[in-house]
Amino acid sequence: MSIISDQEIKEQIAKDLDLSAFEKEEQERIISGLMENISLAINIAVLDELSDEDKLELEVICKSPRENAVLEYLNSKIDNLSFIIQNVIGEKIDQFREARSLLPA
């Protein structure tokens, strides 16, 4: 289930984090790991908002060939979907930033 594109997540990570101190390969590894973590956290947060019946409907919609079917469905069921997504992204980036600050220089 893809609610937000990988490109949008990458852009948010790049905007919020200064990774210039890392080698290019390490930057890619960090971004990839954060993207995976963010995607999983978004899926969990979204599923927490849905009823069991909504989750069953979503399962069917996920198999739809229509490009934006999942996003349209979720927007119809969750009033604050954009806020939830942005909040999760911000939280995960903040957690990374905090963890990075704890590392020895």
N, C-alpha and C. Protein backbone atom coordinates (compact mmCIF):
# COMPACT_ATOMS: atom_id res chain seq x y z
N MET A 1 0.86 -1.18 0.00
CA MET A 1 0.00 0.00 0.00
C MET A 1 0.89 1.22 0.00
N SER A 2 0.74 2.07 -0.98
CA SER A 2 1.54 3.28 -1.07
C SER A 2 0.63 4.49 -0.94
N ILE A 3 0.83 5.24 0.12
CA ILE A 3 -0.01 6.40 0.39
C ILE A 3 0.70 7.67 -0.05
N ILE A 4 2.00 7.67 0.08
CA ILE A 4 2.82 8.82 -0.29
C ILE A 4 3.99 8.28 -1.11
N SER A 5 4.39 9.01 -2.11
CA SER A 5 5.43 8.51 -2.99
C SER A 5 6.80 8.54 -2.32
N ASP A 6 7.66 7.64 -2.76
CA ASP A 6 9.03 7.60 -2.25
C ASP A 6 9.73 8.93 -2.50
N GLN A 7 9.44 9.54 -3.65
CA GLN A 7 10.07 10.81 -3.99
C GLN A 7 9.68 11.91 -2.99
N GLU A 8 8.41 11.92 -2.59
CA GLU A 8 7.96 12.92 -1.62
C GLU A 8 8.65 12.72 -0.26
N ILE A 9 8.83 11.47 0.12
CA ILE A 9 9.51 11.18 1.39
C ILE A 9 10.98 11.59 1.28
N LYS A 10 11.64 11.27 0.18
CA LYS A 10 13.04 11.66 -0.02
C LYS A 10 13.21 13.17 0.06
N GLU A 11 12.31 13.89 -0.59
CA GLU A 11 12.38 15.35 -0.58
C GLU A 11 12.23 15.90 0.83
N GLN A 12 11.32 15.32 1.60
CA GLN A 12 11.12 15.78 2.98
C GLN A 12 12.36 15.49 3.83
N ILE A 13 12.94 14.32 3.67
CA ILE A 13 14.15 13.97 4.42
C ILE A 13 15.28 14.93 4.05
N ALA A 14 15.48 15.15 2.76
CA ALA A 14 16.55 16.04 2.31
C ALA A 14 16.34 17.46 2.83
N LYS A 15 15.08 17.90 2.85
CA LYS A 15 14.77 19.24 3.32
C LYS A 15 15.04 19.39 4.81
N ASP A 16 14.70 18.37 5.57
CA ASP A 16 14.76 18.46 7.03
C ASP A 16 16.11 18.06 7.64
N LEU A 17 16.91 17.32 6.90
CA LEU A 17 18.19 16.86 7.45
C LEU A 17 19.35 17.35 6.61
N ASP A 18 20.39 17.75 7.27
CA ASP A 18 21.63 18.10 6.56
C ASP A 18 22.53 16.88 6.66
N LEU A 19 22.64 16.16 5.56
CA LEU A 19 23.46 14.94 5.55
C LEU A 19 24.80 15.17 4.85
N SER A 20 25.15 16.42 4.65
CA SER A 20 26.37 16.74 3.90
C SER A 20 27.64 16.24 4.58
N ALA A 21 27.60 15.97 5.87
CA ALA A 21 28.78 15.47 6.58
C ALA A 21 29.06 14.00 6.26
N PHE A 22 28.10 13.35 5.61
CA PHE A 22 28.24 11.94 5.28
C PHE A 22 28.66 11.75 3.83
N GLU A 23 29.37 10.67 3.56
CA GLU A 23 29.72 10.30 2.19
C GLU A 23 28.42 10.02 1.43
N LYS A 24 28.45 10.16 0.12
CA LYS A 24 27.26 9.98 -0.72
C LYS A 24 26.61 8.61 -0.49
N GLU A 25 27.43 7.57 -0.42
CA GLU A 25 26.91 6.22 -0.20
C GLU A 25 26.21 6.12 1.15
N GLU A 26 26.78 6.74 2.17
CA GLU A 26 26.19 6.73 3.51
C GLU A 26 24.89 7.54 3.52
N GLN A 27 24.86 8.65 2.78
CA GLN A 27 23.64 9.45 2.67
C GLN A 27 22.50 8.61 2.09
N GLU A 28 22.80 7.87 1.04
CA GLU A 28 21.79 7.02 0.40
C GLU A 28 21.30 5.93 1.35
N ARG A 29 22.23 5.37 2.11
CA ARG A 29 21.86 4.33 3.07
C ARG A 29 20.95 4.90 4.17
N ILE A 30 21.28 6.09 4.65
CA ILE A 30 20.47 6.74 5.68
C ILE A 30 19.08 7.06 5.14
N ILE A 31 19.03 7.64 3.95
CA ILE A 31 17.75 8.00 3.34
C ILE A 31 16.90 6.76 3.10
N SER A 32 17.51 5.71 2.59
CA SER A 32 16.79 4.47 2.32
C SER A 32 16.21 3.89 3.61
N GLY A 33 17.01 3.86 4.66
CA GLY A 33 16.55 3.34 5.94
C GLY A 33 15.42 4.17 6.53
N LEU A 34 15.57 5.48 6.44
CA LEU A 34 14.52 6.37 6.94
C LEU A 34 13.23 6.22 6.13
N MET A 35 13.38 6.09 4.83
CA MET A 35 12.19 5.93 3.98
C MET A 35 11.43 4.66 4.35
N GLU A 36 12.14 3.59 4.58
CA GLU A 36 11.50 2.33 4.96
C GLU A 36 10.78 2.48 6.29
N ASN A 37 11.47 3.11 7.24
CA ASN A 37 10.90 3.34 8.57
C ASN A 37 9.66 4.23 8.49
N ILE A 38 9.75 5.30 7.71
CA ILE A 38 8.63 6.24 7.57
C ILE A 38 7.45 5.56 6.89
N SER A 39 7.69 4.83 5.83
CA SER A 39 6.60 4.15 5.12
C SER A 39 5.85 3.18 6.03
N LEU A 40 6.60 2.41 6.80
CA LEU A 40 5.98 1.47 7.73
C LEU A 40 5.17 2.21 8.80
N ALA A 41 5.74 3.28 9.35
CA ALA A 41 5.04 4.04 10.39
C ALA A 41 3.78 4.70 9.84
N ILE A 42 3.81 5.19 8.61
CA ILE A 42 2.61 5.78 7.99
C ILE A 42 1.54 4.71 7.83
N ASN A 43 1.91 3.56 7.33
CA ASN A 43 0.94 2.47 7.16
C ASN A 43 0.29 2.10 8.49
N ILE A 44 1.09 2.00 9.54
CA ILE A 44 0.56 1.65 10.86
C ILE A 44 -0.38 2.74 11.36
N ALA A 45 0.04 4.01 11.23
CA ALA A 45 -0.79 5.12 11.70
C ALA A 45 -2.12 5.18 10.95
N VAL A 46 -2.08 4.94 9.66
CA VAL A 46 -3.30 4.97 8.85
C VAL A 46 -4.21 3.81 9.22
N LEU A 47 -3.65 2.63 9.34
CA LEU A 47 -4.47 1.46 9.70
C LEU A 47 -5.09 1.62 11.07
N ASP A 48 -4.41 2.29 11.99
CA ASP A 48 -4.97 2.55 13.32
C ASP A 48 -6.22 3.41 13.26
N GLU A 49 -6.35 4.21 12.21
CA GLU A 49 -7.50 5.10 12.04
C GLU A 49 -8.72 4.40 11.44
N LEU A 50 -8.52 3.24 10.86
CA LEU A 50 -9.60 2.56 10.14
C LEU A 50 -10.28 1.50 11.01
N SER A 51 -11.57 1.33 10.77
CA SER A 51 -12.32 0.26 11.43
C SER A 51 -11.94 -1.06 10.76
N ASP A 52 -12.33 -2.16 11.38
CA ASP A 52 -12.06 -3.47 10.78
C ASP A 52 -12.73 -3.60 9.41
N GLU A 53 -13.93 -3.07 9.31
CA GLU A 53 -14.64 -3.11 8.02
C GLU A 53 -13.89 -2.28 6.97
N ASP A 54 -13.42 -1.11 7.37
CA ASP A 54 -12.65 -0.25 6.45
C ASP A 54 -11.37 -0.95 5.98
N LYS A 55 -10.74 -1.68 6.88
CA LYS A 55 -9.51 -2.39 6.54
C LYS A 55 -9.78 -3.48 5.49
N LEU A 56 -10.92 -4.16 5.64
CA LEU A 56 -11.29 -5.18 4.65
C LEU A 56 -11.55 -4.53 3.29
N GLU A 57 -12.24 -3.40 3.29
CA GLU A 57 -12.47 -2.68 2.04
C GLU A 57 -11.15 -2.22 1.42
N LEU A 58 -10.26 -1.75 2.26
CA LEU A 58 -8.96 -1.27 1.79
C LEU A 58 -8.17 -2.40 1.13
N GLU A 59 -8.26 -3.58 1.71
CA GLU A 59 -7.57 -4.74 1.14
C GLU A 59 -8.02 -5.00 -0.30
N VAL A 60 -9.31 -4.87 -0.53
CA VAL A 60 -9.85 -5.05 -1.88
C VAL A 60 -9.38 -3.92 -2.79
N ILE A 61 -9.43 -2.70 -2.29
CA ILE A 61 -9.04 -1.53 -3.09
C ILE A 61 -7.56 -1.57 -3.44
N CYS A 62 -6.74 -2.13 -2.57
CA CYS A 62 -5.30 -2.22 -2.84
C CYS A 62 -5.01 -3.05 -4.10
N LYS A 63 -5.93 -3.92 -4.45
CA LYS A 63 -5.76 -4.76 -5.64
C LYS A 63 -6.27 -4.08 -6.91
N SER A 64 -6.84 -2.90 -6.74
CA SER A 64 -7.40 -2.17 -7.88
C SER A 64 -6.29 -1.67 -8.80
N PRO A 65 -6.52 -1.74 -10.11
CA PRO A 65 -5.52 -1.23 -11.04
C PRO A 65 -5.54 0.30 -11.14
N ARG A 66 -6.58 0.92 -10.59
CA ARG A 66 -6.67 2.39 -10.64
C ARG A 66 -5.56 3.02 -9.82
N GLU A 67 -4.86 3.95 -10.41
CA GLU A 67 -3.64 4.53 -9.82
C GLU A 67 -3.84 5.14 -8.43
N ASN A 68 -4.84 5.96 -8.24
CA ASN A 68 -5.01 6.67 -6.97
C ASN A 68 -6.13 6.11 -6.11
N ALA A 69 -6.53 4.88 -6.36
CA ALA A 69 -7.67 4.29 -5.65
C ALA A 69 -7.44 4.25 -4.14
N VAL A 70 -6.26 3.85 -3.71
CA VAL A 70 -5.98 3.74 -2.27
C VAL A 70 -6.03 5.11 -1.61
N LEU A 71 -5.35 6.07 -2.20
CA LEU A 71 -5.32 7.42 -1.64
C LEU A 71 -6.71 8.04 -1.58
N GLU A 72 -7.48 7.86 -2.64
CA GLU A 72 -8.85 8.39 -2.66
C GLU A 72 -9.69 7.75 -1.55
N TYR A 73 -9.55 6.44 -1.39
CA TYR A 73 -10.31 5.75 -0.35
C TYR A 73 -9.92 6.25 1.04
N LEU A 74 -8.62 6.33 1.27
CA LEU A 74 -8.17 6.78 2.59
C LEU A 74 -8.59 8.21 2.88
N ASN A 75 -8.52 9.06 1.88
CA ASN A 75 -8.98 10.45 2.07
C ASN A 75 -10.46 10.51 2.39
N SER A 76 -11.24 9.57 1.86
CA SER A 76 -12.67 9.56 2.15
C SER A 76 -12.97 9.04 3.56
N LYS A 77 -12.05 8.27 4.11
CA LYS A 77 -12.27 7.67 5.42
C LYS A 77 -11.57 8.40 6.57
N ILE A 78 -10.49 9.11 6.26
CA ILE A 78 -9.69 9.76 7.30
C ILE A 78 -9.61 11.26 6.98
N ASP A 79 -10.28 12.05 7.81
CA ASP A 79 -10.34 13.50 7.57
C ASP A 79 -8.98 14.17 7.58
N ASN A 80 -8.12 13.76 8.47
CA ASN A 80 -6.83 14.44 8.66
C ASN A 80 -5.66 13.61 8.12
N LEU A 81 -5.86 12.94 7.01
CA LEU A 81 -4.83 12.04 6.46
C LEU A 81 -3.51 12.77 6.21
N SER A 82 -3.56 13.91 5.58
CA SER A 82 -2.33 14.66 5.29
C SER A 82 -1.59 15.02 6.57
N PHE A 83 -2.34 15.44 7.58
CA PHE A 83 -1.72 15.79 8.86
C PHE A 83 -1.04 14.56 9.48
N ILE A 84 -1.71 13.42 9.44
CA ILE A 84 -1.15 12.19 10.00
C ILE A 84 0.16 11.85 9.29
N ILE A 85 0.15 11.91 7.96
CA ILE A 85 1.33 11.57 7.17
C ILE A 85 2.48 12.52 7.50
N GLN A 86 2.21 13.82 7.49
CA GLN A 86 3.27 14.80 7.77
C GLN A 86 3.78 14.67 9.21
N ASN A 87 2.88 14.36 10.12
CA ASN A 87 3.26 14.18 11.52
C ASN A 87 4.19 12.99 11.69
N VAL A 88 3.87 11.89 11.04
CA VAL A 88 4.72 10.69 11.11
C VAL A 88 6.09 10.97 10.51
N ILE A 89 6.11 11.61 9.36
CA ILE A 89 7.40 11.94 8.72
C ILE A 89 8.23 12.81 9.66
N GLY A 90 7.62 13.84 10.22
CA GLY A 90 8.33 14.72 11.15
C GLY A 90 8.85 13.99 12.37
N GLU A 91 8.03 13.11 12.93
CA GLU A 91 8.45 12.34 14.11
C GLU A 91 9.66 11.46 13.81
N LYS A 92 9.62 10.76 12.69
CA LYS A 92 10.72 9.85 12.35
C LYS A 92 12.00 10.62 12.06
N ILE A 93 11.88 11.75 11.39
CA ILE A 93 13.07 12.57 11.13
C ILE A 93 13.62 13.12 12.44
N ASP A 94 12.74 13.56 13.33
CA ASP A 94 13.18 14.05 14.64
C ASP A 94 13.86 12.95 15.44
N GLN A 95 13.33 11.73 15.38
CA GLN A 95 13.94 10.61 16.08
C GLN A 95 15.34 10.34 15.53
N PHE A 96 15.49 10.41 14.21
CA PHE A 96 16.80 10.21 13.61
C PHE A 96 17.76 11.31 14.07
N ARG A 97 17.28 12.54 14.01
CA ARG A 97 18.10 13.69 14.41
C ARG A 97 18.56 13.53 15.87
N GLU A 98 17.65 13.11 16.73
CA GLU A 98 17.97 12.91 18.14
C GLU A 98 18.99 11.79 18.32
N ALA A 99 18.79 10.68 17.63
CA ALA A 99 19.72 9.56 17.71
C ALA A 99 21.10 9.96 17.21
N ARG A 100 21.13 10.75 16.13
CA ARG A 100 22.39 11.21 15.56
C ARG A 100 23.13 12.13 16.53
N SER A 101 22.38 12.92 17.29
CA SER A 101 23.02 13.84 18.25
C SER A 101 23.64 13.10 19.42
N LEU A 102 23.19 11.87 19.65
CA LEU A 102 23.73 11.08 20.76
C LEU A 102 25.01 10.36 20.40
N LEU A 103 25.32 10.29 19.09
CA LEU A 103 26.54 9.63 18.65
C LEU A 103 27.76 10.47 18.97
N PRO A 104 28.88 9.80 19.33
CA PRO A 104 30.10 10.57 19.58
C PRO A 104 30.59 11.23 18.30
N ALA A 105 31.14 12.40 18.43
CA ALA A 105 31.61 13.16 17.26
C ALA A 105 32.86 12.59 16.67
